[in-house]
Amino acid sequence: MRRVRAALSFLQEQFGSEHPLVDEAMETDGKWLFVKKYGSLINVSQAGQGAMAEVLEAHLRRIERNEAGLAIRLFPFTRKGVDAPRIVSIDPLVAFGRPVIVGSRITTTDVADRFKAGESAADLAKDYGRPRADIEEAIRCELEAAA
């Protein structure tokens, strides 16, 4: 709440926004609040500190939102680069918010545990009825996180 209050104060003082929660389209990385002003992404929780727009926007693009603009699903990075596939998702309404293969309830931990136990990606793909690329991405998601 401290950061939200700081962001609201900054927007009221610096941009004359009487109702910043209504007037401004804010984004968050889960820690800070940002707004786009003058072609830049500004951290309004940090008194207008500039943000690394390209990096932050790459992460924000991996959030799926509903019609009201609320975040409903996250596609975590499973490999380096902003063009990482969207095969793994985190949705609070599926598998209690644990990472799963998109369009299923197959958790990445289940897949990775079986892989670490010695099953091949091809066998897992056949067993789960999913493309091998999906299985490999689920494994990558868990093994990269553990590393």
C-alpha atoms as a PDB file:
ATOM      1  CA  MET A   1       0.000   0.000   0.000  1.00  0.00           C
ATOM      2  CA  ARG A   2       2.924   2.324   0.666  1.00  0.00           C
ATOM      3  CA  ARG A   3       3.955   2.153  -3.004  1.00  0.00           C
ATOM      4  CA  VAL A   4       0.390   2.678  -4.197  1.00  0.00           C
ATOM      5  CA  ARG A   5       0.071   5.782  -2.004  1.00  0.00           C
ATOM      6  CA  ALA A   6       3.404   7.091  -3.295  1.00  0.00           C
ATOM      7  CA  ALA A   7       2.265   6.533  -6.891  1.00  0.00           C
ATOM      8  CA  LEU A   8      -1.038   8.316  -6.317  1.00  0.00           C
ATOM      9  CA  SER A   9       0.676  11.277  -4.643  1.00  0.00           C
ATOM     10  CA  PHE A  10       3.202  11.548  -7.465  1.00  0.00           C
ATOM     11  CA  LEU A  11       0.491  11.504 -10.135  1.00  0.00           C
ATOM     12  CA  GLN A  12      -1.566  14.116  -8.293  1.00  0.00           C
ATOM     13  CA  GLU A  13       1.396  16.439  -7.722  1.00  0.00           C
ATOM     14  CA  GLN A  14       3.322  16.077 -10.984  1.00  0.00           C
ATOM     15  CA  PHE A  15       0.512  15.585 -13.496  1.00  0.00           C
ATOM     16  CA  GLY A  16      -2.402  17.298 -11.743  1.00  0.00           C
ATOM     17  CA  SER A  17      -4.491  14.163 -11.792  1.00  0.00           C
ATOM     18  CA  GLU A  18      -7.344  14.562  -9.338  1.00  0.00           C
ATOM     19  CA  HIS A  19      -8.373  10.911  -9.649  1.00  0.00           C
ATOM     20  CA  PRO A  20      -5.266   8.975 -10.698  1.00  0.00           C
ATOM     21  CA  LEU A  21      -6.861   5.553 -10.247  1.00  0.00           C
ATOM     22  CA  VAL A  22      -9.480   6.516 -12.814  1.00  0.00           C
ATOM     23  CA  ASP A  23      -7.460   8.900 -15.012  1.00  0.00           C
ATOM     24  CA  GLU A  24      -4.328   6.805 -15.544  1.00  0.00           C
ATOM     25  CA  ALA A  25      -3.825   3.394 -17.150  1.00  0.00           C
ATOM     26  CA  MET A  26      -1.346   1.826 -14.758  1.00  0.00           C
ATOM     27  CA  GLU A  27       0.752  -1.277 -15.251  1.00  0.00           C
ATOM     28  CA  THR A  28       2.561  -3.281 -12.616  1.00  0.00           C
ATOM     29  CA  ASP A  29       5.327  -5.819 -12.456  1.00  0.00           C
ATOM     30  CA  GLY A  30       3.964  -6.984  -9.121  1.00  0.00           C
ATOM     31  CA  LYS A  31       6.198  -4.628  -7.190  1.00  0.00           C
ATOM     32  CA  TRP A  32       6.038  -1.164  -8.780  1.00  0.00           C
ATOM     33  CA  LEU A  33       3.380   0.898 -10.570  1.00  0.00           C
ATOM     34  CA  PHE A  34       4.113   2.360 -14.010  1.00  0.00           C
ATOM     35  CA  VAL A  35       2.374   4.747 -16.416  1.00  0.00           C
ATOM     36  CA  LYS A  36       3.217   5.710 -19.974  1.00  0.00           C
ATOM     37  CA  LYS A  37       3.840   9.425 -20.292  1.00  0.00           C
ATOM     38  CA  TYR A  38       5.524  11.335 -23.086  1.00  0.00           C
ATOM     39  CA  GLY A  39       6.483   8.120 -24.854  1.00  0.00           C
ATOM     40  CA  SER A  40       8.269   6.701 -21.809  1.00  0.00           C
ATOM     41  CA  LEU A  41       7.405   4.250 -19.114  1.00  0.00           C
ATOM     42  CA  ILE A  42       7.610   5.966 -15.734  1.00  0.00           C
ATOM     43  CA  ASN A  43       7.812   4.273 -12.349  1.00  0.00           C
ATOM     44  CA  VAL A  44       5.283   6.374 -10.439  1.00  0.00           C
ATOM     45  CA  SER A  45       5.964   4.416  -7.243  1.00  0.00           C
ATOM     46  CA  GLN A  46       9.518   5.757  -7.350  1.00  0.00           C
ATOM     47  CA  ALA A  47       8.716   9.449  -7.938  1.00  0.00           C
ATOM     48  CA  GLY A  48       8.916   9.191 -11.706  1.00  0.00           C
ATOM     49  CA  GLN A  49      12.068   7.157 -12.105  1.00  0.00           C
ATOM     50  CA  GLY A  50      12.461   5.956 -15.677  1.00  0.00           C
ATOM     51  CA  ALA A  51      12.008   2.259 -16.354  1.00  0.00           C
ATOM     52  CA  MET A  52      13.718  -0.044 -18.790  1.00  0.00           C
ATOM     53  CA  ALA A  53      10.705   0.124 -21.061  1.00  0.00           C
ATOM     54  CA  GLU A  54      11.678  -2.596 -23.508  1.00  0.00           C
ATOM     55  CA  VAL A  55      12.381  -5.181 -20.816  1.00  0.00           C
ATOM     56  CA  LEU A  56       9.336  -4.328 -18.763  1.00  0.00           C
ATOM     57  CA  GLU A  57       7.009  -4.186 -21.756  1.00  0.00           C
ATOM     58  CA  ALA A  58       8.235  -7.623 -22.879  1.00  0.00           C
ATOM     59  CA  HIS A  59       7.129  -9.000 -19.519  1.00  0.00           C
ATOM     60  CA  LEU A  60       3.855  -7.085 -19.531  1.00  0.00           C
ATOM     61  CA  ARG A  61       3.001  -8.455 -23.006  1.00  0.00           C
ATOM     62  CA  ARG A  62       3.036 -11.951 -21.499  1.00  0.00           C
ATOM     63  CA  ILE A  63       0.016 -11.116 -19.355  1.00  0.00           C
ATOM     64  CA  GLU A  64      -3.388 -11.965 -20.800  1.00  0.00           C
ATOM     65  CA  ARG A  65      -6.152  -9.623 -19.679  1.00  0.00           C
ATOM     66  CA  ASN A  66      -9.942  -9.825 -19.721  1.00  0.00           C
ATOM     67  CA  GLU A  67     -12.303  -7.220 -21.226  1.00  0.00           C
ATOM     68  CA  ALA A  68     -12.032  -5.090 -18.082  1.00  0.00           C
ATOM     69  CA  GLY A  69      -8.239  -5.045 -18.316  1.00  0.00           C
ATOM     70  CA  LEU A  70      -7.667  -7.321 -15.326  1.00  0.00           C
ATOM     71  CA  ALA A  71      -4.858  -9.859 -15.521  1.00  0.00           C
ATOM     72  CA  ILE A  72      -6.226 -13.376 -15.876  1.00  0.00           C
ATOM     73  CA  ARG A  73      -3.269 -15.428 -17.114  1.00  0.00           C
ATOM     74  CA  LEU A  74       0.508 -15.180 -17.241  1.00  0.00           C
ATOM     75  CA  PHE A  75       2.786 -16.862 -19.748  1.00  0.00           C
ATOM     76  CA  PRO A  76       6.170 -17.136 -17.992  1.00  0.00           C
ATOM     77  CA  PHE A  77       9.392 -17.022 -19.952  1.00  0.00           C
ATOM     78  CA  THR A  78      10.631 -20.563 -20.452  1.00  0.00           C
ATOM     79  CA  ARG A  79      13.723 -19.540 -22.377  1.00  0.00           C
ATOM     80  CA  LYS A  80      15.754 -16.419 -23.028  1.00  0.00           C
ATOM     81  CA  GLY A  81      14.459 -13.875 -25.487  1.00  0.00           C
ATOM     82  CA  VAL A  82      11.266 -11.912 -25.802  1.00  0.00           C
ATOM     83  CA  ASP A  83       9.850 -14.331 -28.395  1.00  0.00           C
ATOM     84  CA  ALA A  84       9.632 -17.298 -26.024  1.00  0.00           C
ATOM     85  CA  PRO A  85       6.654 -19.515 -26.876  1.00  0.00           C
ATOM     86  CA  ARG A  86       3.417 -19.334 -24.879  1.00  0.00           C
ATOM     87  CA  ILE A  87       3.139 -23.020 -24.117  1.00  0.00           C
ATOM     88  CA  VAL A  88       3.189 -22.754 -20.316  1.00  0.00           C
ATOM     89  CA  SER A  89       0.649 -20.621 -18.480  1.00  0.00           C
ATOM     90  CA  ILE A  90      -0.170 -19.633 -14.925  1.00  0.00           C
ATOM     91  CA  ASP A  91      -3.867 -19.137 -14.315  1.00  0.00           C
ATOM     92  CA  PRO A  92      -5.313 -18.890 -10.800  1.00  0.00           C
ATOM     93  CA  LEU A  93      -8.401 -20.804 -11.999  1.00  0.00           C
ATOM     94  CA  VAL A  94      -6.406 -23.792 -13.287  1.00  0.00           C
ATOM     95  CA  ALA A  95      -4.451 -26.184 -11.040  1.00  0.00           C
ATOM     96  CA  PHE A  96      -4.512 -23.699  -8.150  1.00  0.00           C
ATOM     97  CA  GLY A  97      -2.295 -21.297 -10.114  1.00  0.00           C
ATOM     98  CA  ARG A  98       0.547 -23.728 -10.699  1.00  0.00           C
ATOM     99  CA  PRO A  99       2.241 -23.596 -14.122  1.00  0.00           C
ATOM    100  CA  VAL A 100       0.491 -25.872 -16.635  1.00  0.00           C
ATOM    101  CA  ILE A 101       0.705 -26.685 -20.318  1.00  0.00           C
ATOM    102  CA  VAL A 102      -1.717 -24.316 -22.073  1.00  0.00           C
ATOM    103  CA  GLY A 103      -5.138 -25.784 -22.707  1.00  0.00           C
ATOM    104  CA  SER A 104      -4.673 -28.548 -20.165  1.00  0.00           C
ATOM    105  CA  ARG A 105      -4.365 -29.175 -16.456  1.00  0.00           C
ATOM    106  CA  ILE A 106      -1.012 -30.912 -16.870  1.00  0.00           C
ATOM    107  CA  THR A 107       1.351 -29.244 -14.405  1.00  0.00           C
ATOM    108  CA  THR A 108       4.918 -28.594 -15.423  1.00  0.00           C
ATOM    109  CA  THR A 109       6.113 -30.109 -12.142  1.00  0.00           C
ATOM    110  CA  ASP A 110       4.416 -33.424 -12.936  1.00  0.00           C
ATOM    111  CA  VAL A 111       6.046 -33.523 -16.365  1.00  0.00           C
ATOM    112  CA  ALA A 112       9.478 -32.508 -15.062  1.00  0.00           C
ATOM    113  CA  ASP A 113       9.343 -35.002 -12.186  1.00  0.00           C
ATOM    114  CA  ARG A 114       8.591 -37.853 -14.554  1.00  0.00           C
ATOM    115  CA  PHE A 115      11.373 -36.674 -16.890  1.00  0.00           C
ATOM    116  CA  LYS A 116      13.856 -36.520 -14.000  1.00  0.00           C
ATOM    117  CA  ALA A 117      12.774 -40.030 -13.010  1.00  0.00           C
ATOM    118  CA  GLY A 118      14.008 -41.275 -16.387  1.00  0.00           C
ATOM    119  CA  GLU A 119      11.067 -41.115 -18.778  1.00  0.00           C
ATOM    120  CA  SER A 120      11.846 -39.650 -22.189  1.00  0.00           C
ATOM    121  CA  ALA A 121      10.146 -36.552 -23.606  1.00  0.00           C
ATOM    122  CA  ALA A 122       8.791 -38.685 -26.462  1.00  0.00           C
ATOM    123  CA  ASP A 123       7.202 -41.150 -24.013  1.00  0.00           C
ATOM    124  CA  LEU A 124       5.705 -38.314 -21.981  1.00  0.00           C
ATOM    125  CA  ALA A 125       4.302 -36.673 -25.109  1.00  0.00           C
ATOM    126  CA  LYS A 126       2.630 -39.938 -26.081  1.00  0.00           C
ATOM    127  CA  ASP A 127       1.344 -40.553 -22.549  1.00  0.00           C
ATOM    128  CA  TYR A 128      -0.123 -37.044 -22.179  1.00  0.00           C
ATOM    129  CA  GLY A 129      -1.330 -36.845 -25.780  1.00  0.00           C
ATOM    130  CA  ARG A 130       0.535 -33.588 -26.336  1.00  0.00           C
ATOM    131  CA  PRO A 131       3.125 -32.503 -28.914  1.00  0.00           C
ATOM    132  CA  ARG A 132       6.698 -33.190 -27.866  1.00  0.00           C
ATOM    133  CA  ALA A 133       7.417 -29.418 -28.043  1.00  0.00           C
ATOM    134  CA  ASP A 134       4.849 -28.828 -25.269  1.00  0.00           C
ATOM    135  CA  ILE A 135       6.464 -31.458 -23.056  1.00  0.00           C
ATOM    136  CA  GLU A 136       9.950 -30.081 -23.677  1.00  0.00           C
ATOM    137  CA  GLU A 137       8.773 -26.566 -22.829  1.00  0.00           C
ATOM    138  CA  ALA A 138       7.205 -27.791 -19.563  1.00  0.00           C
ATOM    139  CA  ILE A 139      10.465 -29.512 -18.651  1.00  0.00           C
ATOM    140  CA  ARG A 140      12.467 -26.420 -19.593  1.00  0.00           C
ATOM    141  CA  CYS A 141      10.193 -24.272 -17.434  1.00  0.00           C
ATOM    142  CA  GLU A 142      10.869 -26.348 -14.336  1.00  0.00           C
ATOM    143  CA  LEU A 143      14.550 -27.106 -14.922  1.00  0.00           C
ATOM    144  CA  GLU A 144      15.398 -23.466 -15.708  1.00  0.00           C
ATOM    145  CA  ALA A 145      13.533 -22.334 -12.575  1.00  0.00           C
ATOM    146  CA  ALA A 146      15.453 -24.842 -10.455  1.00  0.00           C
ATOM    147  CA  ALA A 147      18.775 -23.735 -11.931  1.00  0.00           C
END
